[in-house]
Amino acid sequence: MRILVLTKRQYMAKDLLDDRFGRFRELPLELARLGHEVQGVCLSYRQRQEGAFLDKCGDVGASVSWHSLNLGRLAAPGLARYYGKIRRLATGFNPDVIWVCSDSFQVVFGVWLSTLLRTKCIADLYDHFEAFTATRLLGIFPLFKRAVKSAAGVTCFSQRLADRVTQNYLRQGPTTVIENGVRTDLFHPRDRIECRRSLGLPQNMKIIGTAGALYRNRDVDTLFHGFELLRSQDQKIHLAIAGPREHSVRIPQGANVHDLGILSWDQVPLFLNALDVAVSCYLDSELGYYSFPQKAYEIMACRTPLAAAAVGTMKDLLAQHPECSFEPKNPESLARAVRSQLTQPTKLELTIPTWADSAKKLERFFLQVLREEAIR
């Protein structure tokens, strides 16, 4: 197959090309590894180097050709350039499938463009875009809902989101779940002491923590308040955090708090392996209900004990392990879960998909959509 990927360049506080990060980098690469010809166009909402970039898949020889453009200060000219680049590329590339990803605008734009190019558009929902402020404020939601309903196929990152799409959007076409995967070359068990030494963390203390967005809408305040409760009972319990944060977030202070800032992608596995307990926070909100924290799979792949908010897909995954979960916005509940994991750790035996696993499922779905469209 010839597959054209359309996405924004920055997502989840990372850059697809600079950081070589995430779903829209890994799945296209794995599709290329399976023998498909894959090209991508990414729109940067920030000023970044424009041009063509070749992303290679290790020593296998597979690669994805990326073309990056900046939106610029004036949206209209930037979108016109984006449209022109895709139109020229698609004319020569002649894709069998356009996989459009990363936000509601990209979905609306990609579905519309596919009708002009007379090709099949498959929309990817890696999050609950409906709850995003931009979707509501810019009046995109009605267009987004219509685009999702009419797309040749839809891929969702969780079953809860797929159910909402079919029920609330009245979608009848092919829809499937493509979970986020894990890079097992990075996320696997490592020596805890060596990881702590590499990151400058104390070696003989009990360290809990999290790496990711330190935002209030992720309920990070519950982690900080829960840590204060734990610290008041045991001064040997330390907190380690890493990731982007809001200015309004008040991070606990003291000798047993370790703020590592924003880690590079290759340091995150070291961080997770350095912890005695990794904590995953989320609010019990509409966004949280449809969420699936990527970090949870990475934590489990590192075999690090986990304490996670009983929200969304995590609530389903941990149904048989209540000792690993806590109530959101409840510091006492979080402290209990962490204490339980420190005292008698549970290492979850759950099947964790790799990006290769998810790409094979995505490949089968693309072929299914093409077959069904050919029959019509």
Protein backbone atom coordinates (compact mmCIF):
# COMPACT_ATOMS: atom_id res chain seq x y z
CA MET A 1 0.00 0.00 0.00
CA ARG A 2 0.95 3.63 -0.48
CA ILE A 3 0.05 5.46 2.73
CA LEU A 4 0.01 9.22 3.23
CA VAL A 5 0.01 10.43 6.87
CA LEU A 6 -1.24 13.90 7.79
CA THR A 7 -0.59 15.19 11.30
CA LYS A 8 0.43 18.18 13.35
CA ARG A 9 4.08 18.17 14.35
CA GLN A 10 3.81 18.86 18.10
CA TYR A 11 1.65 16.72 20.38
CA MET A 12 1.83 15.43 23.95
CA ALA A 13 4.44 18.14 24.67
CA LYS A 14 6.84 16.53 22.17
CA ASP A 15 7.92 17.13 18.59
CA LEU A 16 7.38 14.34 16.08
CA LEU A 17 10.61 15.06 14.17
CA ASP A 18 12.91 16.61 16.79
CA ASP A 19 12.06 14.08 19.49
CA ARG A 20 11.18 11.20 17.13
CA PHE A 21 8.29 10.53 19.41
CA GLY A 22 4.99 8.77 19.74
CA ARG A 23 2.10 7.24 17.87
CA PHE A 24 2.42 9.23 14.63
CA ARG A 25 6.10 8.47 14.35
CA GLU A 26 6.15 4.82 15.46
CA LEU A 27 3.13 3.45 13.58
CA PRO A 28 4.15 4.86 10.16
CA LEU A 29 7.66 3.48 10.69
CA GLU A 30 6.31 0.04 11.56
CA LEU A 31 4.05 0.13 8.47
CA ALA A 32 7.15 0.90 6.39
CA ARG A 33 8.88 -2.05 8.06
CA LEU A 34 5.97 -4.23 6.88
CA GLY A 35 6.80 -3.26 3.31
CA HIS A 36 4.42 -0.37 2.66
CA GLU A 37 5.46 2.93 1.08
CA VAL A 38 4.78 5.65 3.63
CA GLN A 39 5.10 9.42 3.35
CA GLY A 40 3.93 12.05 5.79
CA VAL A 41 3.21 15.77 5.95
CA CYS A 42 3.28 17.47 9.34
CA LEU A 43 2.07 20.98 10.10
CA SER A 44 4.01 22.76 12.83
CA TYR A 45 2.08 25.28 14.91
CA ARG A 46 5.46 26.65 16.05
CA GLN A 47 8.44 27.89 14.06
CA ARG A 48 10.54 24.88 13.16
CA GLN A 49 12.91 23.98 10.34
CA GLU A 50 10.87 23.26 7.24
CA GLY A 51 11.66 20.79 4.48
CA ALA A 52 12.01 17.07 3.91
CA PHE A 53 13.20 14.67 6.61
CA LEU A 54 13.93 10.96 6.26
CA ASP A 55 13.13 8.89 9.36
CA LYS A 56 14.84 5.50 9.15
CA CYS A 57 13.81 2.34 10.96
CA GLY A 58 17.10 1.22 12.52
CA ASP A 59 19.19 -1.06 10.32
CA VAL A 60 16.19 -2.64 8.59
CA GLY A 61 16.24 -0.24 5.64
CA ALA A 62 12.62 0.87 6.02
CA SER A 63 11.98 4.60 6.24
CA VAL A 64 9.30 7.29 6.19
CA SER A 65 9.70 10.52 4.21
CA TRP A 66 8.35 13.47 6.21
CA HIS A 67 7.62 16.94 4.86
CA SER A 68 7.31 19.69 7.47
CA LEU A 69 5.67 23.10 7.04
CA ASN A 70 5.05 25.90 9.53
CA LEU A 71 1.56 27.32 9.95
CA GLY A 72 3.02 30.78 10.55
CA ARG A 73 1.49 33.83 12.21
CA LEU A 74 -1.26 34.17 9.60
CA ALA A 75 -3.27 30.96 9.49
CA ALA A 76 -4.84 31.41 6.06
CA PRO A 77 -1.57 31.59 4.05
CA GLY A 78 -0.11 28.78 6.14
CA LEU A 79 -3.08 26.51 5.49
CA ALA A 80 -2.94 27.35 1.79
CA ARG A 81 0.71 26.25 1.70
CA TYR A 82 -0.18 23.10 3.61
CA TYR A 83 -2.95 22.28 1.15
CA GLY A 84 -0.70 22.98 -1.83
CA LYS A 85 2.10 20.77 -0.50
CA ILE A 86 -0.25 17.85 0.15
CA ARG A 87 -1.94 18.26 -3.23
CA ARG A 88 1.40 18.22 -5.10
CA LEU A 89 2.74 15.31 -3.07
CA ALA A 90 -0.42 13.25 -3.44
CA THR A 91 -0.57 13.83 -7.20
CA GLY A 92 2.79 12.14 -7.64
CA PHE A 93 2.50 9.65 -4.78
CA ASN A 94 -1.08 8.57 -5.54
CA PRO A 95 -1.83 7.18 -2.05
CA ASP A 96 -4.19 4.27 -1.52
CA VAL A 97 -4.97 5.55 1.97
CA ILE A 98 -4.70 8.86 3.79
CA TRP A 99 -4.33 8.36 7.55
CA VAL A 100 -5.17 11.70 9.18
CA CYS A 101 -4.19 12.21 12.80
CA SER A 102 -3.57 14.37 15.86
CA ASP A 103 -6.46 16.88 16.21
CA SER A 104 -9.96 17.76 15.06
CA PHE A 105 -8.75 20.21 12.41
CA GLN A 106 -6.55 17.60 10.76
CA VAL A 107 -9.49 15.17 10.66
CA VAL A 108 -11.83 17.71 9.07
CA PHE A 109 -9.18 18.80 6.58
CA GLY A 110 -8.09 15.27 5.69
CA VAL A 111 -11.58 13.92 5.07
CA TRP A 112 -12.40 16.94 2.87
CA LEU A 113 -9.12 16.60 0.97
CA SER A 114 -9.64 12.89 0.33
CA THR A 115 -12.78 13.64 -1.67
CA LEU A 116 -10.78 15.96 -3.93
CA LEU A 117 -8.01 13.39 -4.33
CA ARG A 118 -10.50 10.53 -4.79
CA THR A 119 -8.80 8.34 -2.23
CA LYS A 120 -9.79 6.77 1.10
CA CYS A 121 -9.37 8.71 4.33
CA ILE A 122 -9.03 6.95 7.67
CA ALA A 123 -9.29 9.25 10.69
CA ASP A 124 -7.30 8.53 13.82
CA LEU A 125 -8.58 9.62 17.24
CA TYR A 126 -5.69 9.27 19.67
CA ASP A 127 -7.60 11.29 22.27
CA HIS A 128 -11.07 12.63 22.98
CA PHE A 129 -10.84 15.63 20.61
CA GLU A 130 -14.44 16.59 21.34
CA ALA A 131 -13.39 17.72 24.83
CA PHE A 132 -10.50 19.86 23.58
CA THR A 133 -10.97 23.60 24.01
CA ALA A 134 -9.89 24.35 20.44
CA THR A 135 -12.56 22.04 19.04
CA ARG A 136 -15.26 23.91 20.92
CA LEU A 137 -14.02 27.49 20.62
CA LEU A 138 -13.27 27.46 16.91
CA GLY A 139 -16.66 26.02 15.99
CA ILE A 140 -15.01 22.95 14.52
CA PHE A 141 -17.02 20.36 16.43
CA PRO A 142 -20.00 20.04 14.02
CA LEU A 143 -17.55 19.71 11.10
CA PHE A 144 -15.44 17.25 13.08
CA LYS A 145 -18.42 15.10 13.97
CA ARG A 146 -19.56 15.05 10.33
CA ALA A 147 -16.04 14.17 9.14
CA VAL A 148 -15.70 11.27 11.59
CA LYS A 149 -19.10 9.95 10.54
CA SER A 150 -18.24 10.05 6.84
CA ALA A 151 -14.60 8.88 6.92
CA ALA A 152 -13.89 5.58 5.14
CA GLY A 153 -12.51 4.27 8.43
CA VAL A 154 -11.83 5.40 11.98
CA THR A 155 -9.10 4.24 14.37
CA CYS A 156 -9.41 5.00 18.11
CA PHE A 157 -6.88 4.55 20.88
CA SER A 158 -9.39 3.03 23.33
CA GLN A 159 -12.55 0.94 23.24
CA ARG A 160 -14.44 3.53 25.26
CA LEU A 161 -13.75 6.16 22.62
CA ALA A 162 -14.66 3.78 19.78
CA ASP A 163 -18.00 3.08 21.49
CA ARG A 164 -18.71 6.79 21.79
CA VAL A 165 -17.94 7.38 18.11
CA THR A 166 -20.34 4.67 16.95
CA GLN A 167 -23.11 5.62 19.38
CA ASN A 168 -22.97 9.42 19.57
CA TYR A 169 -21.74 10.18 16.07
CA LEU A 170 -24.07 7.60 14.50
CA ARG A 171 -21.09 6.18 12.65
CA GLN A 172 -21.82 2.96 10.76
CA GLY A 173 -18.60 2.48 8.79
CA PRO A 174 -15.54 0.44 9.85
CA THR A 175 -14.17 1.49 13.24
CA THR A 176 -11.46 -0.21 15.25
CA VAL A 177 -9.21 0.21 18.29
CA ILE A 178 -5.48 0.70 17.69
CA GLU A 179 -3.83 0.95 21.07
CA ASN A 180 -0.67 2.88 21.72
CA GLY A 181 2.32 0.58 21.84
CA VAL A 182 5.58 0.46 23.74
CA ARG A 183 9.14 0.50 22.45
CA THR A 184 10.51 -2.57 24.17
CA ASP A 185 14.05 -1.61 23.15
CA LEU A 186 13.67 1.31 25.55
CA PHE A 187 11.06 0.30 28.12
CA HIS A 188 12.21 -2.86 29.86
CA PRO A 189 13.49 -3.71 33.36
CA ARG A 190 16.85 -2.18 34.25
CA ASP A 191 19.05 -2.04 37.33
CA ARG A 192 17.40 0.40 39.75
CA ILE A 193 20.62 1.54 41.41
CA GLU A 194 22.29 2.24 38.06
CA CYS A 195 19.28 4.23 36.90
CA ARG A 196 19.26 6.30 40.08
CA ARG A 197 22.98 6.94 39.81
CA SER A 198 22.56 8.07 36.19
CA LEU A 199 19.83 10.56 37.16
CA GLY A 200 21.44 11.76 40.38
CA LEU A 201 18.72 10.28 42.62
CA PRO A 202 19.38 8.91 46.13
CA GLN A 203 20.09 5.20 46.09
CA ASN A 204 18.81 4.05 49.47
CA MET A 205 15.46 5.82 49.73
CA LYS A 206 11.91 4.90 48.74
CA ILE A 207 11.17 6.96 45.64
CA ILE A 208 7.73 7.49 44.15
CA GLY A 209 6.98 9.76 41.24
CA THR A 210 5.70 10.48 37.78
CA ALA A 211 7.02 11.57 34.39
CA GLY A 212 4.59 13.43 32.15
CA ALA A 213 2.42 16.52 31.99
CA LEU A 214 2.30 18.13 35.44
CA TYR A 215 -1.02 19.86 34.86
CA ARG A 216 -3.97 20.47 37.15
CA ASN A 217 -6.32 18.83 34.63
CA ARG A 218 -4.23 15.70 35.11
CA ASP A 219 -4.89 15.89 38.89
CA VAL A 220 -1.22 16.30 39.73
CA ASP A 221 -2.20 18.19 42.93
CA THR A 222 -3.51 14.90 44.33
CA LEU A 223 -0.05 13.38 43.86
CA PHE A 224 1.60 16.29 45.66
CA HIS A 225 -0.88 16.27 48.56
CA GLY A 226 -0.66 12.48 48.81
CA PHE A 227 3.12 12.70 48.94
CA GLU A 228 2.91 15.23 51.77
CA LEU A 229 0.84 12.71 53.75
CA LEU A 230 3.38 9.96 53.07
CA ARG A 231 6.34 12.20 53.92
CA SER A 232 4.76 13.17 57.25
CA GLN A 233 4.69 9.46 58.18
CA ASP A 234 8.04 8.38 56.71
CA GLN A 235 10.89 10.79 55.91
CA LYS A 236 12.57 8.10 53.80
CA ILE A 237 9.89 8.48 51.13
CA HIS A 238 11.06 10.75 48.34
CA LEU A 239 9.23 12.26 45.35
CA ALA A 240 10.73 12.45 41.84
CA ILE A 241 8.97 14.30 39.03
CA ALA A 242 9.73 15.14 35.43
CA GLY A 243 7.84 16.82 32.61
CA PRO A 244 6.30 20.11 31.47
CA ARG A 245 4.25 21.96 34.05
CA GLU A 246 1.88 24.88 34.50
CA HIS A 247 3.09 27.98 36.33
CA SER A 248 0.19 27.69 38.77
CA VAL A 249 1.20 24.19 39.91
CA ARG A 250 2.81 24.25 43.35
CA ILE A 251 5.46 21.57 43.57
CA PRO A 252 6.39 20.43 47.10
CA GLN A 253 9.75 21.65 48.35
CA GLY A 254 12.40 19.96 50.44
CA ALA A 255 15.44 17.72 50.34
CA ASN A 256 13.34 14.67 49.49
CA VAL A 257 11.76 16.25 46.39
CA HIS A 258 13.65 15.79 43.11
CA ASP A 259 12.49 17.83 40.12
CA LEU A 260 14.30 16.61 37.01
CA GLY A 261 12.66 19.07 34.64
CA ILE A 262 11.93 17.83 31.13
CA LEU A 263 13.77 14.61 30.36
CA SER A 264 14.98 13.54 26.94
CA TRP A 265 13.12 10.56 25.47
CA ASP A 266 15.97 8.15 26.25
CA GLN A 267 16.04 9.18 29.93
CA VAL A 268 12.36 8.40 30.60
CA PRO A 269 12.94 4.61 30.82
CA LEU A 270 15.77 5.27 33.30
CA PHE A 271 13.43 7.44 35.37
CA LEU A 272 10.64 4.82 35.48
CA ASN A 273 13.09 2.08 36.44
CA ALA A 274 14.51 4.28 39.21
CA LEU A 275 11.16 4.44 41.02
CA ASP A 276 9.83 2.16 43.73
CA VAL A 277 6.29 3.16 42.72
CA ALA A 278 5.22 5.07 39.62
CA VAL A 279 2.03 7.12 39.94
CA SER A 280 -0.44 7.85 37.13
CA CYS A 281 -2.89 10.65 37.91
CA TYR A 282 -6.03 11.66 36.02
CA LEU A 283 -9.21 13.54 36.82
CA ASP A 284 -12.56 11.79 36.68
CA SER A 285 -13.63 14.06 33.81
CA GLU A 286 -14.99 13.56 30.32
CA LEU A 287 -11.44 13.63 29.00
CA GLY A 288 -10.32 11.19 31.67
CA TYR A 289 -13.20 8.79 30.97
CA TYR A 290 -11.99 8.17 27.42
CA SER A 291 -8.30 8.35 28.24
CA PHE A 292 -5.61 5.75 28.21
CA PRO A 293 -2.39 6.99 29.83
CA GLN A 294 0.48 5.97 27.57
CA LYS A 295 2.81 6.04 30.55
CA ALA A 296 0.90 3.18 32.21
CA TYR A 297 2.01 0.69 29.54
CA GLU A 298 5.58 2.01 29.70
CA ILE A 299 5.59 1.64 33.49
CA MET A 300 4.31 -1.93 33.26
CA ALA A 301 6.88 -2.77 30.58
CA CYS A 302 9.60 -1.62 33.01
CA ARG A 303 8.04 -3.89 35.67
CA THR A 304 7.79 -0.94 38.05
CA PRO A 305 4.93 -1.14 40.60
CA LEU A 306 2.08 1.17 39.60
CA ALA A 307 -0.49 3.25 41.48
CA ALA A 308 -3.03 4.70 39.04
CA ALA A 309 -6.20 6.75 39.27
CA ALA A 310 -9.27 4.55 38.77
CA VAL A 311 -10.39 6.49 35.70
CA GLY A 312 -11.18 5.51 32.12
CA THR A 313 -9.44 2.49 30.65
CA MET A 314 -7.16 2.21 33.69
CA LYS A 315 -10.22 1.47 35.81
CA ASP A 316 -10.99 -1.46 33.52
CA LEU A 317 -7.40 -2.74 33.40
CA LEU A 318 -6.98 -2.65 37.17
CA ALA A 319 -10.39 -4.11 38.04
CA GLN A 320 -8.70 -7.27 39.40
CA HIS A 321 -6.00 -5.29 41.20
CA PRO A 322 -7.71 -2.74 43.48
CA GLU A 323 -4.49 -2.40 45.49
CA CYS A 324 -2.96 -0.64 42.47
CA SER A 325 -5.63 2.04 42.07
CA PHE A 326 -6.83 5.11 43.94
CA GLU A 327 -9.74 7.53 43.77
CA PRO A 328 -9.01 10.73 41.81
CA LYS A 329 -8.90 13.96 43.84
CA ASN A 330 -8.37 11.88 46.98
CA PRO A 331 -4.84 12.24 48.43
CA GLU A 332 -5.59 9.77 51.24
CA SER A 333 -6.61 7.12 48.71
CA LEU A 334 -3.45 7.75 46.68
CA ALA A 335 -1.30 7.50 49.81
CA ARG A 336 -2.92 4.17 50.71
CA ALA A 337 -2.28 2.75 47.24
CA VAL A 338 1.35 3.88 47.29
CA ARG A 339 1.91 2.46 50.78
CA SER A 340 0.44 -0.85 49.63
CA GLN A 341 2.76 -0.94 46.64
CA LEU A 342 5.78 -0.02 48.74
CA THR A 343 4.98 -2.74 51.28
CA GLN A 344 3.87 -5.53 48.97
CA PRO A 345 4.48 -4.57 45.32
CA THR A 346 2.20 -5.90 42.60
CA LYS A 347 3.91 -6.37 39.26
CA LEU A 348 1.07 -6.55 36.79
CA GLU A 349 0.99 -9.45 34.35
CA LEU A 350 -0.87 -7.79 31.51
CA THR A 351 -0.34 -8.08 27.78
CA ILE A 352 1.40 -4.94 26.58
CA PRO A 353 1.29 -4.29 22.82
CA THR A 354 4.41 -3.17 21.01
CA TRP A 355 4.22 -0.63 18.21
CA ALA A 356 4.79 -3.52 15.80
CA ASP A 357 1.72 -5.30 17.20
CA SER A 358 -0.42 -2.20 16.76
CA ALA A 359 0.93 -1.56 13.25
CA LYS A 360 -0.01 -5.07 12.12
CA LYS A 361 -3.54 -4.48 13.36
CA LEU A 362 -3.58 -1.10 11.60
CA GLU A 363 -2.39 -2.71 8.38
CA ARG A 364 -5.21 -5.27 8.52
CA PHE A 365 -7.72 -2.48 9.09
CA PHE A 366 -6.47 -0.45 6.13
CA LEU A 367 -6.81 -3.52 3.90
CA GLN A 368 -10.31 -4.19 5.26
CA VAL A 369 -11.41 -0.64 4.49
CA LEU A 370 -10.00 -0.81 0.97
CA ARG A 371 -11.77 -4.13 0.31
CA GLU A 372 -15.11 -2.84 1.60
CA GLU A 373 -14.80 0.37 -0.42
CA ALA A 374 -13.97 -1.64 -3.56
CA ILE A 375 -17.16 -3.69 -3.15
CA ARG A 376 -19.38 -0.58 -2.99
